[in-house]
């Protein structure tokens, strides 16, 4: 059985944010307001314009979704992260 393809951290984070905003019915404006993260930062994450994902920012976003950062990362796609990419 072939291994699943590796994905990049910023893609996994963007997809997770998209899913959670849809689940919660949040717009980017609402997420920015409840998380304290600038709208431009969230938009950059979602568009893939920012490859520099900061854990502190993800923690604020997770808090905006009323979850811990650990809860944010409990998702199968994060098992597929290309670990080598994190050290480049």
PDB file of N, CA and C in Angstrom:
ATOM      1  N   UNK A   1       0.840  -1.169   0.000  1.00  0.00           N
ATOM      2  CA  UNK A   1       0.000   0.000   0.000  1.00  0.00           C
ATOM      3  C   UNK A   1       0.893   1.243   0.000  1.00  0.00           C
ATOM      4  N   UNK A   2       0.680   2.168  -0.939  1.00  0.00           N
ATOM      5  CA  UNK A   2       1.533   3.361  -1.000  1.00  0.00           C
ATOM      6  C   UNK A   2       1.269   4.292   0.180  1.00  0.00           C
ATOM      7  N   UNK A   3       2.324   4.988   0.556  1.00  0.00           N
ATOM      8  CA  UNK A   3       2.197   5.956   1.642  1.00  0.00           C
ATOM      9  C   UNK A   3       1.435   7.182   1.146  1.00  0.00           C
ATOM     10  N   UNK A   4       0.670   7.829   2.035  1.00  0.00           N
ATOM     11  CA  UNK A   4      -0.027   9.049   1.618  1.00  0.00           C
ATOM     12  C   UNK A   4       0.986  10.157   1.336  1.00  0.00           C
ATOM     13  N   UNK A   5       0.650  11.088   0.474  1.00  0.00           N
ATOM     14  CA  UNK A   5       1.597  12.161   0.168  1.00  0.00           C
ATOM     15  C   UNK A   5       1.817  13.063   1.371  1.00  0.00           C
ATOM     16  N   UNK A   6       3.018  13.602   1.469  1.00  0.00           N
ATOM     17  CA  UNK A   6       3.335  14.547   2.536  1.00  0.00           C
ATOM     18  C   UNK A   6       2.736  15.904   2.181  1.00  0.00           C
ATOM     19  N   UNK A   7       2.346  16.657   3.197  1.00  0.00           N
ATOM     20  CA  UNK A   7       1.833  17.998   2.958  1.00  0.00           C
ATOM     21  C   UNK A   7       2.641  19.000   3.776  1.00  0.00           C
ATOM     22  N   UNK A   8       2.545  20.242   3.399  1.00  0.00           N
ATOM     23  CA  UNK A   8       3.286  21.298   4.082  1.00  0.00           C
ATOM     24  C   UNK A   8       2.460  21.842   5.245  1.00  0.00           C
ATOM     25  N   UNK A   9       3.156  22.237   6.287  1.00  0.00           N
ATOM     26  CA  UNK A   9       2.493  22.719   7.495  1.00  0.00           C
ATOM     27  C   UNK A   9       1.545  23.870   7.192  1.00  0.00           C
ATOM     28  N   UNK A  10       1.988  24.842   6.410  1.00  0.00           N
ATOM     29  CA  UNK A  10       1.126  25.996   6.167  1.00  0.00           C
ATOM     30  C   UNK A  10      -0.145  25.616   5.407  1.00  0.00           C
ATOM     31  N   UNK A  11      -0.065  24.595   4.555  1.00  0.00           N
ATOM     32  CA  UNK A  11      -1.271  24.124   3.863  1.00  0.00           C
ATOM     33  C   UNK A  11      -2.235  23.443   4.832  1.00  0.00           C
ATOM     34  N   UNK A  12      -1.694  22.646   5.737  1.00  0.00           N
ATOM     35  CA  UNK A  12      -2.531  21.954   6.720  1.00  0.00           C
ATOM     36  C   UNK A  12      -3.205  22.954   7.660  1.00  0.00           C
ATOM     37  N   UNK A  13      -2.469  23.969   8.091  1.00  0.00           N
ATOM     38  CA  UNK A  13      -3.033  24.991   8.976  1.00  0.00           C
ATOM     39  C   UNK A  13      -4.138  25.755   8.251  1.00  0.00           C
ATOM     40  N   UNK A  14      -3.893  26.145   7.010  1.00  0.00           N
ATOM     41  CA  UNK A  14      -4.897  26.882   6.235  1.00  0.00           C
ATOM     42  C   UNK A  14      -6.172  26.051   6.067  1.00  0.00           C
ATOM     43  N   UNK A  15      -6.016  24.787   5.749  1.00  0.00           N
ATOM     44  CA  UNK A  15      -7.179  23.918   5.567  1.00  0.00           C
ATOM     45  C   UNK A  15      -7.947  23.763   6.872  1.00  0.00           C
ATOM     46  N   UNK A  16      -7.240  23.620   7.967  1.00  0.00           N
ATOM     47  CA  UNK A  16      -7.888  23.473   9.282  1.00  0.00           C
ATOM     48  C   UNK A  16      -8.654  24.749   9.643  1.00  0.00           C
ATOM     49  N   UNK A  17      -8.058  25.915   9.382  1.00  0.00           N
ATOM     50  CA  UNK A  17      -8.745  27.181   9.659  1.00  0.00           C
ATOM     51  C   UNK A  17     -10.004  27.280   8.808  1.00  0.00           C
ATOM     52  N   UNK A  18      -9.902  26.929   7.530  1.00  0.00           N
ATOM     53  CA  UNK A  18     -11.081  26.965   6.644  1.00  0.00           C
ATOM     54  C   UNK A  18     -12.204  26.075   7.182  1.00  0.00           C
ATOM     55  N   UNK A  19     -11.856  24.865   7.577  1.00  0.00           N
ATOM     56  CA  UNK A  19     -12.853  23.925   8.101  1.00  0.00           C
ATOM     57  C   UNK A  19     -13.521  24.460   9.362  1.00  0.00           C
ATOM     58  N   UNK A  20     -12.720  24.989  10.266  1.00  0.00           N
ATOM     59  CA  UNK A  20     -13.268  25.470  11.531  1.00  0.00           C
ATOM     60  C   UNK A  20     -14.113  26.729  11.344  1.00  0.00           C
ATOM     61  N   UNK A  21     -13.709  27.615  10.442  1.00  0.00           N
ATOM     62  CA  UNK A  21     -14.535  28.806  10.197  1.00  0.00           C
ATOM     63  C   UNK A  21     -15.881  28.392   9.611  1.00  0.00           C
ATOM     64  N   UNK A  22     -15.861  27.390   8.738  1.00  0.00           N
ATOM     65  CA  UNK A  22     -17.118  26.902   8.162  1.00  0.00           C
ATOM     66  C   UNK A  22     -17.991  26.258   9.240  1.00  0.00           C
ATOM     67  N   UNK A  23     -17.381  25.417  10.079  1.00  0.00           N
ATOM     68  CA  UNK A  23     -18.127  24.757  11.159  1.00  0.00           C
ATOM     69  C   UNK A  23     -18.774  25.767  12.104  1.00  0.00           C
ATOM     70  N   UNK A  24     -18.006  26.795  12.456  1.00  0.00           N
ATOM     71  CA  UNK A  24     -18.480  27.794  13.413  1.00  0.00           C
ATOM     72  C   UNK A  24     -19.332  28.880  12.757  1.00  0.00           C
ATOM     73  N   UNK A  25     -19.300  28.943  11.427  1.00  0.00           N
ATOM     74  CA  UNK A  25     -20.027  29.996  10.731  1.00  0.00           C
ATOM     75  C   UNK A  25     -19.344  31.349  10.853  1.00  0.00           C
ATOM     76  N   UNK A  26     -18.021  31.340  11.027  1.00  0.00           N
ATOM     77  CA  UNK A  26     -17.245  32.569  11.183  1.00  0.00           C
ATOM     78  C   UNK A  26     -16.790  33.084   9.831  1.00  0.00           C
ATOM     79  N   UNK A  27     -16.749  34.379   9.705  1.00  0.00           N
ATOM     80  CA  UNK A  27     -16.046  35.017   8.590  1.00  0.00           C
ATOM     81  C   UNK A  27     -14.623  35.297   9.077  1.00  0.00           C
ATOM     82  N   UNK A  28     -13.756  35.719   8.191  1.00  0.00           N
ATOM     83  CA  UNK A  28     -12.399  36.089   8.597  1.00  0.00           C
ATOM     84  C   UNK A  28     -12.459  37.272   9.565  1.00  0.00           C
ATOM     85  N   UNK A  29     -13.387  38.194   9.330  1.00  0.00           N
ATOM     86  CA  UNK A  29     -13.541  39.338  10.235  1.00  0.00           C
ATOM     87  C   UNK A  29     -13.895  38.884  11.650  1.00  0.00           C
ATOM     88  N   UNK A  30     -14.826  37.955  11.762  1.00  0.00           N
ATOM     89  CA  UNK A  30     -15.240  37.455  13.079  1.00  0.00           C
ATOM     90  C   UNK A  30     -14.078  36.723  13.741  1.00  0.00           C
ATOM     91  N   UNK A  31     -13.399  35.862  12.996  1.00  0.00           N
ATOM     92  CA  UNK A  31     -12.259  35.134  13.566  1.00  0.00           C
ATOM     93  C   UNK A  31     -11.192  36.103  14.046  1.00  0.00           C
ATOM     94  N   UNK A  32     -10.927  37.134  13.278  1.00  0.00           N
ATOM     95  CA  UNK A  32      -9.955  38.148  13.684  1.00  0.00           C
ATOM     96  C   UNK A  32     -10.383  38.810  14.987  1.00  0.00           C
ATOM     97  N   UNK A  33     -11.651  39.140  15.077  1.00  0.00           N
ATOM     98  CA  UNK A  33     -12.175  39.813  16.268  1.00  0.00           C
ATOM     99  C   UNK A  33     -12.089  38.931  17.510  1.00  0.00           C
ATOM    100  N   UNK A  34     -12.483  37.673  17.394  1.00  0.00           N
ATOM    101  CA  UNK A  34     -12.507  36.791  18.574  1.00  0.00           C
ATOM    102  C   UNK A  34     -11.130  36.255  18.946  1.00  0.00           C
ATOM    103  N   UNK A  35     -10.192  36.254  17.994  1.00  0.00           N
ATOM    104  CA  UNK A  35      -8.859  35.708  18.271  1.00  0.00           C
ATOM    105  C   UNK A  35      -7.822  36.787  18.580  1.00  0.00           C
ATOM    106  N   UNK A  36      -8.086  38.009  18.125  1.00  0.00           N
ATOM    107  CA  UNK A  36      -7.093  39.073  18.292  1.00  0.00           C
ATOM    108  C   UNK A  36      -5.989  39.021  17.257  1.00  0.00           C
ATOM    109  N   UNK A  37      -6.120  38.150  16.264  1.00  0.00           N
ATOM    110  CA  UNK A  37      -5.133  38.038  15.185  1.00  0.00           C
ATOM    111  C   UNK A  37      -5.583  38.957  14.048  1.00  0.00           C
ATOM    112  N   UNK A  38      -4.685  39.789  13.533  1.00  0.00           N
ATOM    113  CA  UNK A  38      -5.085  40.691  12.452  1.00  0.00           C
ATOM    114  C   UNK A  38      -5.685  39.935  11.261  1.00  0.00           C
ATOM    115  N   UNK A  39      -6.692  40.543  10.673  1.00  0.00           N
ATOM    116  CA  UNK A  39      -7.355  39.954   9.510  1.00  0.00           C
ATOM    117  C   UNK A  39      -6.344  39.648   8.411  1.00  0.00           C
ATOM    118  N   UNK A  40      -5.378  40.538   8.225  1.00  0.00           N
ATOM    119  CA  UNK A  40      -4.375  40.337   7.169  1.00  0.00           C
ATOM    120  C   UNK A  40      -3.540  39.083   7.414  1.00  0.00           C
ATOM    121  N   UNK A  41      -3.242  38.783   8.666  1.00  0.00           N
ATOM    122  CA  UNK A  41      -2.470  37.575   8.997  1.00  0.00           C
ATOM    123  C   UNK A  41      -3.277  36.328   8.681  1.00  0.00           C
ATOM    124  N   UNK A  42      -4.542  36.328   9.086  1.00  0.00           N
ATOM    125  CA  UNK A  42      -5.401  35.178   8.809  1.00  0.00           C
ATOM    126  C   UNK A  42      -5.559  34.992   7.303  1.00  0.00           C
ATOM    127  N   UNK A  43      -5.783  36.087   6.595  1.00  0.00           N
ATOM    128  CA  UNK A  43      -5.930  36.029   5.139  1.00  0.00           C
ATOM    129  C   UNK A  43      -4.659  35.510   4.486  1.00  0.00           C
ATOM    130  N   UNK A  44      -3.501  35.960   4.961  1.00  0.00           N
ATOM    131  CA  UNK A  44      -2.225  35.472   4.421  1.00  0.00           C
ATOM    132  C   UNK A  44      -2.075  33.966   4.650  1.00  0.00           C
ATOM    133  N   UNK A  45      -2.470  33.480   5.815  1.00  0.00           N
ATOM    134  CA  UNK A  45      -2.426  32.042   6.084  1.00  0.00           C
ATOM    135  C   UNK A  45      -3.341  31.294   5.107  1.00  0.00           C
ATOM    136  N   UNK A  46      -4.552  31.797   4.942  1.00  0.00           N
ATOM    137  CA  UNK A  46      -5.530  31.116   4.091  1.00  0.00           C
ATOM    138  C   UNK A  46      -5.128  31.121   2.616  1.00  0.00           C
ATOM    139  N   UNK A  47      -4.498  32.173   2.160  1.00  0.00           N
ATOM    140  CA  UNK A  47      -4.083  32.267   0.753  1.00  0.00           C
ATOM    141  C   UNK A  47      -2.754  31.556   0.497  1.00  0.00           C
ATOM    142  N   UNK A  48      -2.059  31.185   1.548  1.00  0.00           N
ATOM    143  CA  UNK A  48      -0.754  30.567   1.383  1.00  0.00           C
ATOM    144  C   UNK A  48       0.339  31.598   1.161  1.00  0.00           C
ATOM    145  N   UNK A  49       0.015  32.867   1.397  1.00  0.00           N
ATOM    146  CA  UNK A  49       1.000  33.941   1.209  1.00  0.00           C
ATOM    147  C   UNK A  49       2.021  33.960   2.342  1.00  0.00           C
ATOM    148  N   UNK A  50       1.660  33.382   3.479  1.00  0.00           N
ATOM    149  CA  UNK A  50       2.573  33.314   4.609  1.00  0.00           C
ATOM    150  C   UNK A  50       2.948  31.861   4.858  1.00  0.00           C
ATOM    151  N   UNK A  51       4.211  31.569   4.684  1.00  0.00           N
ATOM    152  CA  UNK A  51       4.700  30.211   4.941  1.00  0.00           C
ATOM    153  C   UNK A  51       5.262  30.096   6.357  1.00  0.00           C
ATOM    154  N   UNK A  52       5.394  31.247   7.022  1.00  0.00           N
ATOM    155  CA  UNK A  52       5.956  31.311   8.366  1.00  0.00           C
ATOM    156  C   UNK A  52       4.821  31.217   9.386  1.00  0.00           C
ATOM    157  N   UNK A  53       4.503  30.004   9.783  1.00  0.00           N
ATOM    158  CA  UNK A  53       3.411  29.760  10.715  1.00  0.00           C
ATOM    159  C   UNK A  53       3.970  29.812  12.138  1.00  0.00           C
ATOM    160  N   UNK A  54       3.448  30.743  12.935  1.00  0.00           N
ATOM    161  CA  UNK A  54       3.911  30.874  14.318  1.00  0.00           C
ATOM    162  C   UNK A  54       2.942  30.153  15.248  1.00  0.00           C
ATOM    163  N   UNK A  55       3.492  29.361  16.139  1.00  0.00           N
ATOM    164  CA  UNK A  55       2.667  28.619  17.087  1.00  0.00           C
ATOM    165  C   UNK A  55       1.843  29.575  17.948  1.00  0.00           C
ATOM    166  N   UNK A  56       2.421  30.699  18.331  1.00  0.00           N
ATOM    167  CA  UNK A  56       1.683  31.656  19.163  1.00  0.00           C
ATOM    168  C   UNK A  56       0.459  32.202  18.424  1.00  0.00           C
ATOM    169  N   UNK A  57       0.581  32.384  17.117  1.00  0.00           N
ATOM    170  CA  UNK A  57      -0.555  32.870  16.324  1.00  0.00           C
ATOM    171  C   UNK A  57      -1.615  31.775  16.188  1.00  0.00           C
ATOM    172  N   UNK A  58      -1.173  30.558  15.937  1.00  0.00           N
ATOM    173  CA  UNK A  58      -2.121  29.438  15.841  1.00  0.00           C
ATOM    174  C   UNK A  58      -2.842  29.258  17.176  1.00  0.00           C
ATOM    175  N   UNK A  59      -2.144  29.456  18.283  1.00  0.00           N
ATOM    176  CA  UNK A  59      -2.770  29.344  19.603  1.00  0.00           C
ATOM    177  C   UNK A  59      -3.863  30.397  19.771  1.00  0.00           C
ATOM    178  N   UNK A  60      -3.623  31.615  19.306  1.00  0.00           N
ATOM    179  CA  UNK A  60      -4.643  32.667  19.381  1.00  0.00           C
ATOM    180  C   UNK A  60      -5.845  32.324  18.496  1.00  0.00           C
ATOM    181  N   UNK A  61      -5.562  31.799  17.311  1.00  0.00           N
ATOM    182  CA  UNK A  61      -6.647  31.402  16.405  1.00  0.00           C
ATOM    183  C   UNK A  61      -7.457  30.276  17.034  1.00  0.00           C
ATOM    184  N   UNK A  62      -6.774  29.296  17.590  1.00  0.00           N
ATOM    185  CA  UNK A  62      -7.464  28.194  18.259  1.00  0.00           C
ATOM    186  C   UNK A  62      -8.336  28.724  19.394  1.00  0.00           C
ATOM    187  N   UNK A  63      -7.797  29.636  20.167  1.00  0.00           N
ATOM    188  CA  UNK A  63      -8.565  30.242  21.254  1.00  0.00           C
ATOM    189  C   UNK A  63      -9.808  30.947  20.707  1.00  0.00           C
ATOM    190  N   UNK A  64      -9.687  31.572  19.547  1.00  0.00           N
ATOM    191  CA  UNK A  64     -10.838  32.209  18.912  1.00  0.00           C
ATOM    192  C   UNK A  64     -11.921  31.209  18.542  1.00  0.00           C
ATOM    193  N   UNK A  65     -11.513  29.976  18.300  1.00  0.00           N
ATOM    194  CA  UNK A  65     -12.464  28.901  18.023  1.00  0.00           C
ATOM    195  C   UNK A  65     -12.905  28.204  19.314  1.00  0.00           C
ATOM    196  N   UNK A  66     -12.469  28.744  20.462  1.00  0.00           N
ATOM    197  CA  UNK A  66     -12.801  28.191  21.771  1.00  0.00           C
ATOM    198  C   UNK A  66     -12.247  26.779  21.929  1.00  0.00           C
ATOM    199  N   UNK A  67     -10.975  26.633  21.517  1.00  0.00           N
ATOM    200  CA  UNK A  67     -10.294  25.350  21.660  1.00  0.00           C
ATOM    201  C   UNK A  67      -8.838  25.611  22.019  1.00  0.00           C
ATOM    202  N   UNK A  68      -8.176  24.581  22.488  1.00  0.00           N
ATOM    203  CA  UNK A  68      -6.752  24.698  22.783  1.00  0.00           C
ATOM    204  C   UNK A  68      -5.962  24.514  21.494  1.00  0.00           C
ATOM    205  N   UNK A  69      -4.710  24.897  21.542  1.00  0.00           N
ATOM    206  CA  UNK A  69      -3.861  24.681  20.371  1.00  0.00           C
ATOM    207  C   UNK A  69      -3.701  23.188  20.098  1.00  0.00           C
ATOM    208  N   UNK A  70      -3.690  22.382  21.148  1.00  0.00           N
ATOM    209  CA  UNK A  70      -3.621  20.934  20.965  1.00  0.00           C
ATOM    210  C   UNK A  70      -4.848  20.436  20.211  1.00  0.00           C
ATOM    211  N   UNK A  71      -6.028  20.918  20.597  1.00  0.00           N
ATOM    212  CA  UNK A  71      -7.255  20.534  19.889  1.00  0.00           C
ATOM    213  C   UNK A  71      -7.184  20.925  18.416  1.00  0.00           C
ATOM    214  N   UNK A  72      -6.607  22.095  18.143  1.00  0.00           N
ATOM    215  CA  UNK A  72      -6.475  22.550  16.756  1.00  0.00           C
ATOM    216  C   UNK A  72      -5.684  21.538  15.932  1.00  0.00           C
ATOM    217  N   UNK A  73      -4.593  21.025  16.521  1.00  0.00           N
ATOM    218  CA  UNK A  73      -3.709  20.117  15.791  1.00  0.00           C
ATOM    219  C   UNK A  73      -4.159  18.653  15.829  1.00  0.00           C
ATOM    220  N   UNK A  74      -5.221  18.338  16.571  1.00  0.00           N
ATOM    221  CA  UNK A  74      -5.735  16.970  16.571  1.00  0.00           C
ATOM    222  C   UNK A  74      -6.590  16.799  15.319  1.00  0.00           C
ATOM    223  N   UNK A  75      -5.901  16.444  14.263  1.00  0.00           N
ATOM    224  CA  UNK A  75      -6.518  16.282  12.952  1.00  0.00           C
ATOM    225  C   UNK A  75      -5.565  15.411  12.134  1.00  0.00           C
ATOM    226  N   UNK A  76      -6.105  14.443  11.426  1.00  0.00           N
ATOM    227  CA  UNK A  76      -5.267  13.478  10.706  1.00  0.00           C
ATOM    228  C   UNK A  76      -4.295  14.123   9.725  1.00  0.00           C
ATOM    229  N   UNK A  77      -4.668  15.246   9.155  1.00  0.00           N
ATOM    230  CA  UNK A  77      -3.770  15.842   8.148  1.00  0.00           C
ATOM    231  C   UNK A  77      -2.421  16.244   8.750  1.00  0.00           C
ATOM    232  N   UNK A  78      -2.390  16.542  10.052  1.00  0.00           N
ATOM    233  CA  UNK A  78      -1.120  16.918  10.664  1.00  0.00           C
ATOM    234  C   UNK A  78      -0.182  15.721  10.820  1.00  0.00           C
ATOM    235  N   UNK A  79      -0.710  14.511  10.678  1.00  0.00           N
ATOM    236  CA  UNK A  79       0.136  13.320  10.654  1.00  0.00           C
ATOM    237  C   UNK A  79       0.901  13.210   9.334  1.00  0.00           C
ATOM    238  N   UNK A  80       0.471  13.957   8.339  1.00  0.00           N
ATOM    239  CA  UNK A  80       1.076  13.885   7.001  1.00  0.00           C
ATOM    240  C   UNK A  80       2.080  14.995   6.736  1.00  0.00           C
ATOM    241  N   UNK A  81       2.390  15.797   7.752  1.00  0.00           N
ATOM    242  CA  UNK A  81       3.302  16.930   7.578  1.00  0.00           C
ATOM    243  C   UNK A  81       4.679  16.437   7.161  1.00  0.00           C
ATOM    244  N   UNK A  82       5.247  17.146   6.213  1.00  0.00           N
ATOM    245  CA  UNK A  82       6.619  16.889   5.783  1.00  0.00           C
ATOM    246  C   UNK A  82       7.554  17.490   6.834  1.00  0.00           C
ATOM    247  N   UNK A  83       8.001  16.666   7.766  1.00  0.00           N
ATOM    248  CA  UNK A  83       8.816  17.130   8.895  1.00  0.00           C
ATOM    249  C   UNK A  83      10.105  17.787   8.406  1.00  0.00           C
ATOM    250  N   UNK A  84      10.692  17.268   7.364  1.00  0.00           N
ATOM    251  CA  UNK A  84      11.929  17.850   6.837  1.00  0.00           C
ATOM    252  C   UNK A  84      11.733  19.301   6.424  1.00  0.00           C
ATOM    253  N   UNK A  85      10.537  19.612   5.933  1.00  0.00           N
ATOM    254  CA  UNK A  85      10.220  20.980   5.503  1.00  0.00           C
ATOM    255  C   UNK A  85      10.336  21.959   6.668  1.00  0.00           C
ATOM    256  N   UNK A  86      10.044  21.498   7.880  1.00  0.00           N
ATOM    257  CA  UNK A  86      10.089  22.379   9.045  1.00  0.00           C
ATOM    258  C   UNK A  86      11.494  22.821   9.409  1.00  0.00           C
ATOM    259  N   UNK A  87      12.498  22.094   8.940  1.00  0.00           N
ATOM    260  CA  UNK A  87      13.875  22.383   9.300  1.00  0.00           C
ATOM    261  C   UNK A  87      14.670  23.015   8.179  1.00  0.00           C
ATOM    262  N   UNK A  88      13.998  23.422   7.126  1.00  0.00           N
ATOM    263  CA  UNK A  88      14.696  24.066   5.997  1.00  0.00           C
ATOM    264  C   UNK A  88      14.784  25.540   6.209  1.00  0.00           C
TER     265      UNK A  88
END
